[in-house]
Amino acid sequence: MWKLLPLSVVQAVFLCSGQVMLKLALAKMGEFSWTWKFFKAQLTNWWLPGCGITFIVATVLWFHILKNYPFGIAYPLSCMNYLFGLFAALLVFKEPVTAGRLIFAALLLIGIIGLKITSA
């Protein structure tokens, strides 16, 4: 578990970073159209390749995690993506974080801690 937890955190950070970059890329993209002008403009939207690279890294890490650790322990740790997403919404996109979302995050953390304790 001590090796799995840091790997899961890194994987979740890459996955969340990819989602953040995807949202930034889509915001920069403008209105979609099937024109050369639209697709040519996307060549300078650097959030798109950044998004792809972070998704690839997250996927390769996930392959490693699934191959080398029990699924019943590894998969519940993937919920950390939601925690990082909540922080990204707050810090990057300046979205409001309601009490309900904070309670959800606290329950996720309790579940992760409980998973760690029961698998130790």
C-alpha atoms as a PDB file:
ATOM      1  CA  MET A   1       0.000   0.000   0.000  1.00  0.00           C
ATOM      2  CA  TRP A   2       2.878   2.383   0.711  1.00  0.00           C
ATOM      3  CA  LYS A   3       4.007   2.169  -2.913  1.00  0.00           C
ATOM      4  CA  LEU A   4       0.478   2.282  -4.324  1.00  0.00           C
ATOM      5  CA  LEU A   5      -0.637   5.452  -2.558  1.00  0.00           C
ATOM      6  CA  PRO A   6       2.013   7.793  -4.049  1.00  0.00           C
ATOM      7  CA  LEU A   7       1.516   6.230  -7.486  1.00  0.00           C
ATOM      8  CA  SER A   8      -2.228   6.779  -7.197  1.00  0.00           C
ATOM      9  CA  VAL A   9      -1.722  10.399  -6.145  1.00  0.00           C
ATOM     10  CA  VAL A  10       0.592  11.077  -9.105  1.00  0.00           C
ATOM     11  CA  GLN A  11      -1.812   9.334 -11.488  1.00  0.00           C
ATOM     12  CA  ALA A  12      -4.734  11.360 -10.126  1.00  0.00           C
ATOM     13  CA  VAL A  13      -2.784  14.622 -10.455  1.00  0.00           C
ATOM     14  CA  PHE A  14      -1.967  13.870 -14.102  1.00  0.00           C
ATOM     15  CA  LEU A  15      -5.555  12.879 -14.853  1.00  0.00           C
ATOM     16  CA  CYS A  16      -6.954  15.993 -13.200  1.00  0.00           C
ATOM     17  CA  SER A  17      -4.348  18.183 -14.933  1.00  0.00           C
ATOM     18  CA  GLY A  18      -5.449  16.734 -18.256  1.00  0.00           C
ATOM     19  CA  GLN A  19      -9.066  17.584 -17.486  1.00  0.00           C
ATOM     20  CA  VAL A  20      -8.104  21.129 -16.499  1.00  0.00           C
ATOM     21  CA  MET A  21      -6.109  21.560 -19.719  1.00  0.00           C
ATOM     22  CA  LEU A  22      -9.012  20.145 -21.729  1.00  0.00           C
ATOM     23  CA  LYS A  23     -11.387  22.711 -20.210  1.00  0.00           C
ATOM     24  CA  LEU A  24      -8.894  25.516 -20.926  1.00  0.00           C
ATOM     25  CA  ALA A  25      -8.445  24.252 -24.495  1.00  0.00           C
ATOM     26  CA  LEU A  26     -12.192  24.157 -25.060  1.00  0.00           C
ATOM     27  CA  ALA A  27     -12.577  27.672 -23.655  1.00  0.00           C
ATOM     28  CA  LYS A  28      -9.935  28.930 -26.071  1.00  0.00           C
ATOM     29  CA  MET A  29     -11.398  26.961 -28.961  1.00  0.00           C
ATOM     30  CA  GLY A  30     -14.404  29.136 -29.696  1.00  0.00           C
ATOM     31  CA  GLU A  31     -17.422  27.941 -31.636  1.00  0.00           C
ATOM     32  CA  PHE A  32     -16.945  24.646 -33.451  1.00  0.00           C
ATOM     33  CA  SER A  33     -17.223  24.453 -37.224  1.00  0.00           C
ATOM     34  CA  TRP A  34     -16.140  21.974 -39.889  1.00  0.00           C
ATOM     35  CA  THR A  35     -13.876  24.511 -41.600  1.00  0.00           C
ATOM     36  CA  TRP A  36     -10.184  24.635 -42.311  1.00  0.00           C
ATOM     37  CA  LYS A  37      -9.989  27.973 -40.507  1.00  0.00           C
ATOM     38  CA  PHE A  38     -11.319  26.395 -37.292  1.00  0.00           C
ATOM     39  CA  PHE A  39      -8.928  23.428 -37.391  1.00  0.00           C
ATOM     40  CA  LYS A  40      -5.969  25.619 -38.362  1.00  0.00           C
ATOM     41  CA  ALA A  41      -6.674  27.814 -35.320  1.00  0.00           C
ATOM     42  CA  GLN A  42      -6.453  24.717 -33.094  1.00  0.00           C
ATOM     43  CA  LEU A  43      -2.812  24.207 -34.112  1.00  0.00           C
ATOM     44  CA  THR A  44      -1.871  27.083 -31.818  1.00  0.00           C
ATOM     45  CA  ASN A  45      -4.112  25.939 -28.958  1.00  0.00           C
ATOM     46  CA  TRP A  46      -1.283  24.546 -26.821  1.00  0.00           C
ATOM     47  CA  TRP A  47      -3.678  23.336 -24.148  1.00  0.00           C
ATOM     48  CA  LEU A  48      -4.719  20.497 -26.493  1.00  0.00           C
ATOM     49  CA  PRO A  49      -1.337  18.728 -26.758  1.00  0.00           C
ATOM     50  CA  GLY A  50      -0.713  19.388 -23.064  1.00  0.00           C
ATOM     51  CA  CYS A  51      -4.008  17.696 -22.320  1.00  0.00           C
ATOM     52  CA  GLY A  52      -3.088  14.720 -24.507  1.00  0.00           C
ATOM     53  CA  ILE A  53       0.335  14.296 -22.915  1.00  0.00           C
ATOM     54  CA  THR A  54      -1.012  14.362 -19.376  1.00  0.00           C
ATOM     55  CA  PHE A  55      -3.749  11.863 -20.305  1.00  0.00           C
ATOM     56  CA  ILE A  56      -1.128   9.538 -21.800  1.00  0.00           C
ATOM     57  CA  VAL A  57       1.029   9.720 -18.651  1.00  0.00           C
ATOM     58  CA  ALA A  58      -2.024   9.121 -16.438  1.00  0.00           C
ATOM     59  CA  THR A  59      -3.036   6.130 -18.568  1.00  0.00           C
ATOM     60  CA  VAL A  60       0.423   4.548 -18.483  1.00  0.00           C
ATOM     61  CA  LEU A  61       0.531   4.967 -14.694  1.00  0.00           C
ATOM     62  CA  TRP A  62      -2.943   3.438 -14.453  1.00  0.00           C
ATOM     63  CA  PHE A  63      -1.765   0.451 -16.550  1.00  0.00           C
ATOM     64  CA  HIS A  64       1.100  -0.049 -14.097  1.00  0.00           C
ATOM     65  CA  ILE A  65      -1.184   0.265 -11.074  1.00  0.00           C
ATOM     66  CA  LEU A  66      -3.758  -2.199 -12.425  1.00  0.00           C
ATOM     67  CA  LYS A  67      -1.111  -4.699 -13.432  1.00  0.00           C
ATOM     68  CA  ASN A  68       0.779  -4.703 -10.138  1.00  0.00           C
ATOM     69  CA  TYR A  69      -1.772  -4.040  -7.377  1.00  0.00           C
ATOM     70  CA  PRO A  70      -5.069  -5.603  -6.312  1.00  0.00           C
ATOM     71  CA  PHE A  71      -8.005  -4.087  -8.187  1.00  0.00           C
ATOM     72  CA  GLY A  72     -10.079  -3.876  -5.008  1.00  0.00           C
ATOM     73  CA  ILE A  73      -7.518  -1.536  -3.474  1.00  0.00           C
ATOM     74  CA  ALA A  74      -6.346   0.355  -6.567  1.00  0.00           C
ATOM     75  CA  TYR A  75      -9.732   1.268  -7.991  1.00  0.00           C
ATOM     76  CA  PRO A  76     -11.160   2.957  -4.881  1.00  0.00           C
ATOM     77  CA  LEU A  77      -8.031   5.142  -4.781  1.00  0.00           C
ATOM     78  CA  SER A  78      -8.978   6.499  -8.195  1.00  0.00           C
ATOM     79  CA  CYS A  79     -11.580   8.639  -6.395  1.00  0.00           C
ATOM     80  CA  MET A  80      -8.743  11.028  -5.555  1.00  0.00           C
ATOM     81  CA  ASN A  81      -9.376  12.470  -9.023  1.00  0.00           C
ATOM     82  CA  TYR A  82     -12.550  14.001  -7.601  1.00  0.00           C
ATOM     83  CA  LEU A  83     -10.644  15.638  -4.758  1.00  0.00           C
ATOM     84  CA  PHE A  84      -8.081  17.173  -7.090  1.00  0.00           C
ATOM     85  CA  GLY A  85     -10.895  18.246  -9.400  1.00  0.00           C
ATOM     86  CA  LEU A  86     -12.560  20.052  -6.533  1.00  0.00           C
ATOM     87  CA  PHE A  87      -9.330  21.901  -5.743  1.00  0.00           C
ATOM     88  CA  ALA A  88      -8.843  22.742  -9.431  1.00  0.00           C
ATOM     89  CA  ALA A  89     -12.383  24.132  -9.637  1.00  0.00           C
ATOM     90  CA  LEU A  90     -11.627  26.349  -6.663  1.00  0.00           C
ATOM     91  CA  LEU A  91      -8.064  27.435  -7.497  1.00  0.00           C
ATOM     92  CA  VAL A  92      -7.935  27.462 -11.309  1.00  0.00           C
ATOM     93  CA  PHE A  93     -11.501  28.264 -12.333  1.00  0.00           C
ATOM     94  CA  LYS A  94     -12.510  30.258  -9.231  1.00  0.00           C
ATOM     95  CA  GLU A  95     -15.738  28.273  -8.931  1.00  0.00           C
ATOM     96  CA  PRO A  96     -17.633  28.291  -5.641  1.00  0.00           C
ATOM     97  CA  VAL A  97     -17.224  25.263  -3.423  1.00  0.00           C
ATOM     98  CA  THR A  98     -20.402  24.562  -1.502  1.00  0.00           C
ATOM     99  CA  ALA A  99     -20.712  22.879   1.873  1.00  0.00           C
ATOM    100  CA  GLY A 100     -22.104  19.799   0.156  1.00  0.00           C
ATOM    101  CA  ARG A 101     -18.990  19.487  -1.987  1.00  0.00           C
ATOM    102  CA  LEU A 102     -16.766  19.858   1.066  1.00  0.00           C
ATOM    103  CA  ILE A 103     -18.730  17.128   2.856  1.00  0.00           C
ATOM    104  CA  PHE A 104     -18.320  14.920  -0.227  1.00  0.00           C
ATOM    105  CA  ALA A 105     -14.554  15.563  -0.213  1.00  0.00           C
ATOM    106  CA  ALA A 106     -14.337  14.772   3.516  1.00  0.00           C
ATOM    107  CA  LEU A 107     -16.201  11.491   2.989  1.00  0.00           C
ATOM    108  CA  LEU A 108     -13.834  10.560   0.170  1.00  0.00           C
ATOM    109  CA  LEU A 109     -10.839  11.250   2.390  1.00  0.00           C
ATOM    110  CA  ILE A 110     -12.340   9.153   5.172  1.00  0.00           C
ATOM    111  CA  GLY A 111     -12.862   6.342   2.677  1.00  0.00           C
ATOM    112  CA  ILE A 112      -9.257   6.550   1.449  1.00  0.00           C
ATOM    113  CA  ILE A 113      -7.956   6.508   5.021  1.00  0.00           C
ATOM    114  CA  GLY A 114     -10.253   3.591   5.833  1.00  0.00           C
ATOM    115  CA  LEU A 115      -9.013   1.706   2.779  1.00  0.00           C
ATOM    116  CA  LYS A 116      -5.423   2.292   3.857  1.00  0.00           C
ATOM    117  CA  ILE A 117      -6.101   1.078   7.396  1.00  0.00           C
ATOM    118  CA  THR A 118      -7.948  -2.064   6.337  1.00  0.00           C
ATOM    119  CA  SER A 119      -5.340  -3.066   3.751  1.00  0.00           C
ATOM    120  CA  ALA A 120      -2.319  -2.492   6.004  1.00  0.00           C
END
